[in-house]
Each structure stands twice: as structure tokens, then as C-alpha cells.
Amino acid sequence: MAKTNPFEFLQQVRSEGAKVTWPTRKETMITTLMVFVMVVVASIFFLVIDQVVRLGVSYVLGLGS
């Protein structure tokens, strides 16, 4: 790779930074809410699966009686 001097590098960084499309406040809030909803859904899913596996293992090992 060809080396660039620090001044050229900073110019390239500024140029690339200008191309970035930053999200609006509304988009950020909606995305954050979606993440929290998915965390809750995933937590409930894994809780249910964990309980089913626990009951299955207890039944197989005979510890549930």
C-alpha cells in the first residue's frame, strides 16, 4: 500500500465523513425502541426454551418426581 502523509490522510477522512448520512433524532428513537422490544422478545423466548429444556432434563433423569 502506498503511504500518504498525515495532511492527505486528514483530507481523505474529512471527505469520507462528509459522505456519511447521519440519522435524524426520530430515526434514532425508533431504532432504539425496536432494539428494546427485540431484547424483551428474545429474553422471553429464551426463558421459555430454558424452562422447557429444564423440564425435559428433569423428566429424563427422573428428578422431577
PDB file of N, CA and C in Angstrom:
ATOM      1  N   MET A   1       0.842  -1.187   0.000  1.00  0.00           N
ATOM      2  CA  MET A   1       0.000   0.000   0.000  1.00  0.00           C
ATOM      3  C   MET A   1       0.882   1.243   0.000  1.00  0.00           C
ATOM      4  N   ALA A   2       0.416   2.216  -0.758  1.00  0.00           N
ATOM      5  CA  ALA A   2       1.157   3.474  -0.796  1.00  0.00           C
ATOM      6  C   ALA A   2       0.859   4.272   0.466  1.00  0.00           C
ATOM      7  N   LYS A   3       1.891   4.850   1.038  1.00  0.00           N
ATOM      8  CA  LYS A   3       1.704   5.647   2.249  1.00  0.00           C
ATOM      9  C   LYS A   3       1.324   7.068   1.864  1.00  0.00           C
ATOM     10  N   THR A   4       0.417   7.656   2.624  1.00  0.00           N
ATOM     11  CA  THR A   4       0.052   9.053   2.415  1.00  0.00           C
ATOM     12  C   THR A   4       0.524   9.848   3.613  1.00  0.00           C
ATOM     13  N   ASN A   5       0.782  11.109   3.371  1.00  0.00           N
ATOM     14  CA  ASN A   5       1.223  11.919   4.501  1.00  0.00           C
ATOM     15  C   ASN A   5       0.020  12.266   5.373  1.00  0.00           C
ATOM     16  N   PRO A   6       0.247  12.689   6.589  1.00  0.00           N
ATOM     17  CA  PRO A   6      -0.852  12.953   7.524  1.00  0.00           C
ATOM     18  C   PRO A   6      -1.846  14.001   7.003  1.00  0.00           C
ATOM     19  N   PHE A   7      -1.391  15.003   6.296  1.00  0.00           N
ATOM     20  CA  PHE A   7      -2.286  16.038   5.782  1.00  0.00           C
ATOM     21  C   PHE A   7      -3.262  15.453   4.760  1.00  0.00           C
ATOM     22  N   GLU A   8      -2.760  14.623   3.838  1.00  0.00           N
ATOM     23  CA  GLU A   8      -3.625  13.976   2.849  1.00  0.00           C
ATOM     24  C   GLU A   8      -4.606  13.032   3.543  1.00  0.00           C
ATOM     25  N   PHE A   9      -4.113  12.322   4.536  1.00  0.00           N
ATOM     26  CA  PHE A   9      -4.979  11.398   5.272  1.00  0.00           C
ATOM     27  C   PHE A   9      -6.138  12.143   5.912  1.00  0.00           C
ATOM     28  N   LEU A  10      -5.858  13.266   6.572  1.00  0.00           N
ATOM     29  CA  LEU A  10      -6.928  14.043   7.212  1.00  0.00           C
ATOM     30  C   LEU A  10      -7.901  14.591   6.179  1.00  0.00           C
ATOM     31  N   GLN A  11      -7.410  14.972   5.003  1.00  0.00           N
ATOM     32  CA  GLN A  11      -8.303  15.441   3.947  1.00  0.00           C
ATOM     33  C   GLN A  11      -9.223  14.304   3.490  1.00  0.00           C
ATOM     34  N   GLN A  12      -8.675  13.112   3.378  1.00  0.00           N
ATOM     35  CA  GLN A  12      -9.482  11.964   2.970  1.00  0.00           C
ATOM     36  C   GLN A  12     -10.515  11.621   4.035  1.00  0.00           C
ATOM     37  N   VAL A  13     -10.127  11.720   5.294  1.00  0.00           N
ATOM     38  CA  VAL A  13     -11.067  11.444   6.389  1.00  0.00           C
ATOM     39  C   VAL A  13     -12.210  12.445   6.359  1.00  0.00           C
ATOM     40  N   ARG A  14     -11.898  13.710   6.180  1.00  0.00           N
ATOM     41  CA  ARG A  14     -12.947  14.742   6.094  1.00  0.00           C
ATOM     42  C   ARG A  14     -13.870  14.499   4.919  1.00  0.00           C
ATOM     43  N   SER A  15     -13.294  14.108   3.799  1.00  0.00           N
ATOM     44  CA  SER A  15     -14.079  13.845   2.596  1.00  0.00           C
ATOM     45  C   SER A  15     -15.039  12.674   2.825  1.00  0.00           C
ATOM     46  N   GLU A  16     -14.545  11.608   3.425  1.00  0.00           N
ATOM     47  CA  GLU A  16     -15.397  10.448   3.709  1.00  0.00           C
ATOM     48  C   GLU A  16     -16.443  10.779   4.770  1.00  0.00           C
ATOM     49  N   GLY A  17     -16.060  11.564   5.769  1.00  0.00           N
ATOM     50  CA  GLY A  17     -17.011  11.968   6.810  1.00  0.00           C
ATOM     51  C   GLY A  17     -18.150  12.797   6.255  1.00  0.00           C
ATOM     52  N   ALA A  18     -17.870  13.569   5.209  1.00  0.00           N
ATOM     53  CA  ALA A  18     -18.921  14.392   4.594  1.00  0.00           C
ATOM     54  C   ALA A  18     -19.926  13.533   3.837  1.00  0.00           C
ATOM     55  N   LYS A  19     -19.538  12.332   3.447  1.00  0.00           N
ATOM     56  CA  LYS A  19     -20.423  11.432   2.702  1.00  0.00           C
ATOM     57  C   LYS A  19     -21.400  10.683   3.611  1.00  0.00           C
ATOM     58  N   VAL A  20     -21.137  10.696   4.912  1.00  0.00           N
ATOM     59  CA  VAL A  20     -21.965   9.942   5.855  1.00  0.00           C
ATOM     60  C   VAL A  20     -23.338  10.578   5.970  1.00  0.00           C
ATOM     61  N   THR A  21     -24.365   9.732   5.935  1.00  0.00           N
ATOM     62  CA  THR A  21     -25.736  10.194   6.158  1.00  0.00           C
ATOM     63  C   THR A  21     -26.089   9.884   7.604  1.00  0.00           C
ATOM     64  N   TRP A  22     -26.189  10.927   8.419  1.00  0.00           N
ATOM     65  CA  TRP A  22     -26.464  10.733   9.838  1.00  0.00           C
ATOM     66  C   TRP A  22     -27.963  10.587  10.053  1.00  0.00           C
ATOM     67  N   PRO A  23     -28.384   9.708  10.965  1.00  0.00           N
ATOM     68  CA  PRO A  23     -29.821   9.533  11.220  1.00  0.00           C
ATOM     69  C   PRO A  23     -30.403  10.740  11.953  1.00  0.00           C
ATOM     70  N   THR A  24     -31.694  10.942  11.734  1.00  0.00           N
ATOM     71  CA  THR A  24     -32.382  12.020  12.440  1.00  0.00           C
ATOM     72  C   THR A  24     -32.693  11.549  13.858  1.00  0.00           C
ATOM     73  N   ARG A  25     -33.126  12.473  14.698  1.00  0.00           N
ATOM     74  CA  ARG A  25     -33.491  12.120  16.070  1.00  0.00           C
ATOM     75  C   ARG A  25     -34.630  11.106  16.068  1.00  0.00           C
ATOM     76  N   LYS A  26     -35.606  11.291  15.184  1.00  0.00           N
ATOM     77  CA  LYS A  26     -36.759  10.385  15.120  1.00  0.00           C
ATOM     78  C   LYS A  26     -36.299   8.974  14.722  1.00  0.00           C
ATOM     79  N   GLU A  27     -35.427   8.867  13.721  1.00  0.00           N
ATOM     80  CA  GLU A  27     -34.927   7.564  13.301  1.00  0.00           C
ATOM     81  C   GLU A  27     -34.159   6.881  14.429  1.00  0.00           C
ATOM     82  N   THR A  28     -33.384   7.651  15.165  1.00  0.00           N
ATOM     83  CA  THR A  28     -32.623   7.096  16.273  1.00  0.00           C
ATOM     84  C   THR A  28     -33.553   6.590  17.373  1.00  0.00           C
ATOM     85  N   MET A  29     -34.579   7.355  17.692  1.00  0.00           N
ATOM     86  CA  MET A  29     -35.524   6.940  18.734  1.00  0.00           C
ATOM     87  C   MET A  29     -36.278   5.679  18.325  1.00  0.00           C
ATOM     88  N   ILE A  30     -36.722   5.601  17.067  1.00  0.00           N
ATOM     89  CA  ILE A  30     -37.456   4.424  16.593  1.00  0.00           C
ATOM     90  C   ILE A  30     -36.553   3.192  16.616  1.00  0.00           C
ATOM     91  N   THR A  31     -35.327   3.352  16.163  1.00  0.00           N
ATOM     92  CA  THR A  31     -34.391   2.232  16.153  1.00  0.00           C
ATOM     93  C   THR A  31     -34.084   1.761  17.572  1.00  0.00           C
ATOM     94  N   THR A  32     -33.911   2.691  18.481  1.00  0.00           N
ATOM     95  CA  THR A  32     -33.657   2.339  19.887  1.00  0.00           C
ATOM     96  C   THR A  32     -34.840   1.586  20.478  1.00  0.00           C
ATOM     97  N   LEU A  33     -36.051   2.047  20.204  1.00  0.00           N
ATOM     98  CA  LEU A  33     -37.248   1.370  20.691  1.00  0.00           C
ATOM     99  C   LEU A  33     -37.333  -0.042  20.119  1.00  0.00           C
ATOM    100  N   MET A  34     -37.017  -0.188  18.837  1.00  0.00           N
ATOM    101  CA  MET A  34     -37.042  -1.517  18.219  1.00  0.00           C
ATOM    102  C   MET A  34     -36.040  -2.456  18.875  1.00  0.00           C
ATOM    103  N   VAL A  35     -34.884  -1.945  19.227  1.00  0.00           N
ATOM    104  CA  VAL A  35     -33.876  -2.770  19.901  1.00  0.00           C
ATOM    105  C   VAL A  35     -34.390  -3.235  21.252  1.00  0.00           C
ATOM    106  N   PHE A  36     -34.985  -2.322  22.031  1.00  0.00           N
ATOM    107  CA  PHE A  36     -35.515  -2.713  23.336  1.00  0.00           C
ATOM    108  C   PHE A  36     -36.629  -3.747  23.208  1.00  0.00           C
ATOM    109  N   VAL A  37     -37.509  -3.588  22.222  1.00  0.00           N
ATOM    110  CA  VAL A  37     -38.592  -4.556  22.008  1.00  0.00           C
ATOM    111  C   VAL A  37     -38.005  -5.923  21.661  1.00  0.00           C
ATOM    112  N   MET A  38     -37.004  -5.943  20.782  1.00  0.00           N
ATOM    113  CA  MET A  38     -36.405  -7.224  20.403  1.00  0.00           C
ATOM    114  C   MET A  38     -35.674  -7.875  21.582  1.00  0.00           C
ATOM    115  N   VAL A  39     -35.082  -7.081  22.462  1.00  0.00           N
ATOM    116  CA  VAL A  39     -34.432  -7.629  23.655  1.00  0.00           C
ATOM    117  C   VAL A  39     -35.462  -8.305  24.551  1.00  0.00           C
ATOM    118  N   VAL A  40     -36.607  -7.671  24.724  1.00  0.00           N
ATOM    119  CA  VAL A  40     -37.665  -8.259  25.559  1.00  0.00           C
ATOM    120  C   VAL A  40     -38.186  -9.549  24.927  1.00  0.00           C
ATOM    121  N   VAL A  41     -38.437  -9.523  23.611  1.00  0.00           N
ATOM    122  CA  VAL A  41     -38.939 -10.712  22.919  1.00  0.00           C
ATOM    123  C   VAL A  41     -37.920 -11.853  23.015  1.00  0.00           C
ATOM    124  N   ALA A  42     -36.652 -11.566  22.782  1.00  0.00           N
ATOM    125  CA  ALA A  42     -35.615 -12.598  22.859  1.00  0.00           C
ATOM    126  C   ALA A  42     -35.486 -13.135  24.284  1.00  0.00           C
ATOM    127  N   SER A  43     -35.593 -12.259  25.271  1.00  0.00           N
ATOM    128  CA  SER A  43     -35.493 -12.695  26.671  1.00  0.00           C
ATOM    129  C   SER A  43     -36.627 -13.649  27.021  1.00  0.00           C
ATOM    130  N   ILE A  44     -37.833 -13.311  26.612  1.00  0.00           N
ATOM    131  CA  ILE A  44     -38.987 -14.186  26.892  1.00  0.00           C
ATOM    132  C   ILE A  44     -38.826 -15.510  26.165  1.00  0.00           C
ATOM    133  N   PHE A  45     -38.391 -15.458  24.901  1.00  0.00           N
ATOM    134  CA  PHE A  45     -38.184 -16.683  24.127  1.00  0.00           C
ATOM    135  C   PHE A  45     -37.185 -17.601  24.827  1.00  0.00           C
ATOM    136  N   PHE A  46     -36.027 -17.067  25.225  1.00  0.00           N
ATOM    137  CA  PHE A  46     -35.011 -17.906  25.855  1.00  0.00           C
ATOM    138  C   PHE A  46     -35.433 -18.368  27.243  1.00  0.00           C
ATOM    139  N   LEU A  47     -36.238 -17.593  27.948  1.00  0.00           N
ATOM    140  CA  LEU A  47     -36.770 -18.042  29.234  1.00  0.00           C
ATOM    141  C   LEU A  47     -37.663 -19.265  29.037  1.00  0.00           C
ATOM    142  N   VAL A  48     -38.546 -19.198  28.048  1.00  0.00           N
ATOM    143  CA  VAL A  48     -39.456 -20.317  27.778  1.00  0.00           C
ATOM    144  C   VAL A  48     -38.667 -21.552  27.343  1.00  0.00           C
ATOM    145  N   ILE A  49     -37.720 -21.377  26.432  1.00  0.00           N
ATOM    146  CA  ILE A  49     -36.915 -22.513  25.969  1.00  0.00           C
ATOM    147  C   ILE A  49     -36.123 -23.116  27.125  1.00  0.00           C
ATOM    148  N   ASP A  50     -35.566 -22.276  27.985  1.00  0.00           N
ATOM    149  CA  ASP A  50     -34.805 -22.759  29.137  1.00  0.00           C
ATOM    150  C   ASP A  50     -35.689 -23.584  30.066  1.00  0.00           C
ATOM    151  N   GLN A  51     -36.897 -23.138  30.301  1.00  0.00           N
ATOM    152  CA  GLN A  51     -37.812 -23.874  31.187  1.00  0.00           C
ATOM    153  C   GLN A  51     -38.215 -25.207  30.567  1.00  0.00           C
ATOM    154  N   VAL A  52     -38.445 -25.215  29.248  1.00  0.00           N
ATOM    155  CA  VAL A  52     -38.807 -26.463  28.576  1.00  0.00           C
ATOM    156  C   VAL A  52     -37.657 -27.459  28.651  1.00  0.00           C
ATOM    157  N   VAL A  53     -36.444 -27.000  28.400  1.00  0.00           N
ATOM    158  CA  VAL A  53     -35.281 -27.893  28.478  1.00  0.00           C
ATOM    159  C   VAL A  53     -35.092 -28.388  29.912  1.00  0.00           C
ATOM    160  N   ARG A  54     -35.271 -27.509  30.902  1.00  0.00           N
ATOM    161  CA  ARG A  54     -35.135 -27.909  32.305  1.00  0.00           C
ATOM    162  C   ARG A  54     -36.150 -29.003  32.653  1.00  0.00           C
ATOM    163  N   LEU A  55     -37.393 -28.810  32.218  1.00  0.00           N
ATOM    164  CA  LEU A  55     -38.412 -29.823  32.495  1.00  0.00           C
ATOM    165  C   LEU A  55     -38.092 -31.134  31.784  1.00  0.00           C
ATOM    166  N   GLY A  56     -37.597 -31.043  30.549  1.00  0.00           N
ATOM    167  CA  GLY A  56     -37.241 -32.250  29.802  1.00  0.00           C
ATOM    168  C   GLY A  56     -36.110 -33.014  30.456  1.00  0.00           C
ATOM    169  N   VAL A  57     -35.086 -32.318  30.879  1.00  0.00           N
ATOM    170  CA  VAL A  57     -33.951 -32.967  31.530  1.00  0.00           C
ATOM    171  C   VAL A  57     -34.392 -33.577  32.865  1.00  0.00           C
ATOM    172  N   SER A  58     -35.203 -32.851  33.624  1.00  0.00           N
ATOM    173  CA  SER A  58     -35.692 -33.383  34.898  1.00  0.00           C
ATOM    174  C   SER A  58     -36.516 -34.641  34.691  1.00  0.00           C
ATOM    175  N   TYR A  59     -37.324 -34.657  33.639  1.00  0.00           N
ATOM    176  CA  TYR A  59     -38.147 -35.818  33.352  1.00  0.00           C
ATOM    177  C   TYR A  59     -37.270 -37.011  32.962  1.00  0.00           C
ATOM    178  N   VAL A  60     -36.297 -36.768  32.088  1.00  0.00           N
ATOM    179  CA  VAL A  60     -35.423 -37.845  31.622  1.00  0.00           C
ATOM    180  C   VAL A  60     -34.597 -38.414  32.763  1.00  0.00           C
ATOM    181  N   LEU A  61     -34.093 -37.569  33.638  1.00  0.00           N
ATOM    182  CA  LEU A  61     -33.254 -38.043  34.745  1.00  0.00           C
ATOM    183  C   LEU A  61     -34.073 -38.548  35.935  1.00  0.00           C
ATOM    184  N   GLY A  62     -35.383 -38.345  35.894  1.00  0.00           N
ATOM    185  CA  GLY A  62     -36.227 -38.842  36.971  1.00  0.00           C
ATOM    186  C   GLY A  62     -36.157 -37.989  38.221  1.00  0.00           C
ATOM    187  N   LEU A  63     -35.679 -36.761  38.088  1.00  0.00           N
ATOM    188  CA  LEU A  63     -35.558 -35.895  39.253  1.00  0.00           C
ATOM    189  C   LEU A  63     -36.847 -35.119  39.518  1.00  0.00           C
ATOM    190  N   GLY A  64     -37.776 -35.166  38.604  1.00  0.00           N
ATOM    191  CA  GLY A  64     -38.984 -34.358  38.750  1.00  0.00           C
ATOM    192  C   GLY A  64     -40.075 -35.019  39.558  1.00  0.00           C
ATOM    193  N   SER A  65     -39.836 -36.206  40.094  1.00  0.00           N
ATOM    194  CA  SER A  65     -40.911 -36.902  40.797  1.00  0.00           C
ATOM    195  C   SER A  65     -40.916 -36.638  42.240  1.00  0.00           C
TER     196      SER A  65
END
